[in-house]
C-alpha atoms as a PDB file:
ATOM      1  CA  MET A   1      93.676  83.815 131.113  1.00  0.00           C
ATOM      2  CA  SER A   2      92.757  80.373 129.853  1.00  0.00           C
ATOM      3  CA  SER A   3      95.444  78.066 128.513  1.00  0.00           C
ATOM      4  CA  LYS A   4      93.528  78.038 125.216  1.00  0.00           C
ATOM      5  CA  ASP A   5      93.683  81.828 124.856  1.00  0.00           C
ATOM      6  CA  PHE A   6      97.334  81.786 125.879  1.00  0.00           C
ATOM      7  CA  LEU A   7      98.228  79.108 123.322  1.00  0.00           C
ATOM      8  CA  LEU A   8      96.348  80.944 120.590  1.00  0.00           C
ATOM      9  CA  GLN A   9      98.401  84.059 121.419  1.00  0.00           C
ATOM     10  CA  VAL A  10     101.586  81.969 121.204  1.00  0.00           C
ATOM     11  CA  ALA A  11     100.405  80.700 117.799  1.00  0.00           C
ATOM     12  CA  LYS A  12      99.837  84.280 116.642  1.00  0.00           C
ATOM     13  CA  ASP A  13     103.266  85.325 117.923  1.00  0.00           C
ATOM     14  CA  MET A  14     104.782  82.408 115.968  1.00  0.00           C
ATOM     15  CA  GLY A  15     102.956  83.473 112.812  1.00  0.00           C
ATOM     16  CA  LYS A  16     100.732  80.380 112.850  1.00  0.00           C
ATOM     17  CA  LYS A  17      97.018  80.057 112.243  1.00  0.00           C
ATOM     18  CA  PRO A  18      94.705  78.966 115.075  1.00  0.00           C
ATOM     19  CA  GLU A  19      93.723  75.842 113.151  1.00  0.00           C
ATOM     20  CA  ASP A  20      97.412  74.813 113.061  1.00  0.00           C
ATOM     21  CA  PHE A  21      97.257  74.590 116.858  1.00  0.00           C
ATOM     22  CA  GLN A  22      93.971  72.708 117.264  1.00  0.00           C
ATOM     23  CA  LYS A  23      95.848  69.473 118.030  1.00  0.00           C
ATOM     24  CA  TYR A  24      97.672  71.155 120.914  1.00  0.00           C
ATOM     25  CA  LEU A  25      94.510  72.833 122.199  1.00  0.00           C
ATOM     26  CA  ASP A  26      92.870  69.403 122.270  1.00  0.00           C
ATOM     27  CA  ILE A  27      95.830  67.947 124.179  1.00  0.00           C
ATOM     28  CA  LEU A  28      95.536  70.664 126.832  1.00  0.00           C
ATOM     29  CA  GLU A  29      91.809  70.031 127.150  1.00  0.00           C
ATOM     30  CA  ASP A  30      92.263  66.252 127.322  1.00  0.00           C
ATOM     31  CA  ASN A  31      94.776  66.716 130.147  1.00  0.00           C
ATOM     32  CA  MET A  32      92.618  69.273 131.997  1.00  0.00           C
ATOM     33  CA  ILE A  33      95.214  72.016 131.657  1.00  0.00           C
ATOM     34  CA  ASP A  34      92.816  74.918 131.502  1.00  0.00           C
ATOM     35  CA  THR A  35      94.693  77.886 132.955  1.00  0.00           C
ATOM     36  CA  VAL A  36      97.980  79.592 132.229  1.00  0.00           C
ATOM     37  CA  GLU A  37      98.958  78.836 135.815  1.00  0.00           C
ATOM     38  CA  SER A  38      98.504  75.093 135.291  1.00  0.00           C
ATOM     39  CA  LEU A  39     100.394  75.294 132.001  1.00  0.00           C
ATOM     40  CA  GLY A  40     103.212  77.149 133.748  1.00  0.00           C
ATOM     41  CA  GLN A  41     103.553  74.353 136.303  1.00  0.00           C
ATOM     42  CA  LEU A  42     104.615  71.906 133.608  1.00  0.00           C
ATOM     43  CA  THR A  43     108.289  71.312 132.952  1.00  0.00           C
ATOM     44  CA  GLU A  44     109.852  71.485 129.514  1.00  0.00           C
ATOM     45  CA  GLU A  45     110.240  67.710 129.656  1.00  0.00           C
ATOM     46  CA  GLU A  46     106.551  67.208 130.454  1.00  0.00           C
ATOM     47  CA  LEU A  47     105.533  69.435 127.559  1.00  0.00           C
ATOM     48  CA  ARG A  48     107.850  67.562 125.185  1.00  0.00           C
ATOM     49  CA  LYS A  49     107.549  63.961 126.330  1.00  0.00           C
ATOM     50  CA  ASP A  50     104.186  63.694 128.054  1.00  0.00           C
ATOM     51  CA  LEU A  51     102.179  66.057 125.840  1.00  0.00           C
ATOM     52  CA  ASN A  52     104.271  65.537 122.673  1.00  0.00           C
ATOM     53  CA  PHE A  53     104.581  69.257 121.933  1.00  0.00           C
ATOM     54  CA  PRO A  54     107.315  70.087 119.378  1.00  0.00           C
ATOM     55  CA  LEU A  55     110.460  71.770 120.653  1.00  0.00           C
ATOM     56  CA  GLY A  56     109.775  75.085 118.883  1.00  0.00           C
ATOM     57  CA  LEU A  57     106.356  75.323 120.500  1.00  0.00           C
ATOM     58  CA  VAL A  58     107.739  74.414 123.925  1.00  0.00           C
ATOM     59  CA  LYS A  59     110.379  77.139 123.645  1.00  0.00           C
ATOM     60  CA  ALA A  60     107.744  79.691 122.552  1.00  0.00           C
ATOM     61  CA  ILE A  61     105.493  78.718 125.478  1.00  0.00           C
ATOM     62  CA  ILE A  62     108.348  79.056 127.966  1.00  0.00           C
ATOM     63  CA  LYS A  63     109.333  82.444 126.516  1.00  0.00           C
ATOM     64  CA  SER A  64     105.759  83.717 126.656  1.00  0.00           C
ATOM     65  CA  LEU A  65     105.277  82.465 130.210  1.00  0.00           C
ATOM     66  CA  ALA A  66     108.474  84.227 131.286  1.00  0.00           C
ATOM     67  CA  GLY A  67     107.220  87.442 129.685  1.00  0.00           C
ATOM     68  CA  GLN A  68     104.052  87.299 131.785  1.00  0.00           C
ATOM     69  CA  SER A  69     105.867  87.231 135.103  1.00  0.00           C
END
């Protein structure tokens, strides 16, 4: 699964619209994070500080990644 599809699923699970997440989709693309596997290799700190993802989104990503294992 692509990181884009994964993040859009996270958005849906959070009750958000895809357009609300465009900024974060662009950040993933800009940083060449194109698979769920590459997204899963990032630490919570990297998501928060390096990619500037909000805490609620980071927690939702981590929860969704854990559910895929």
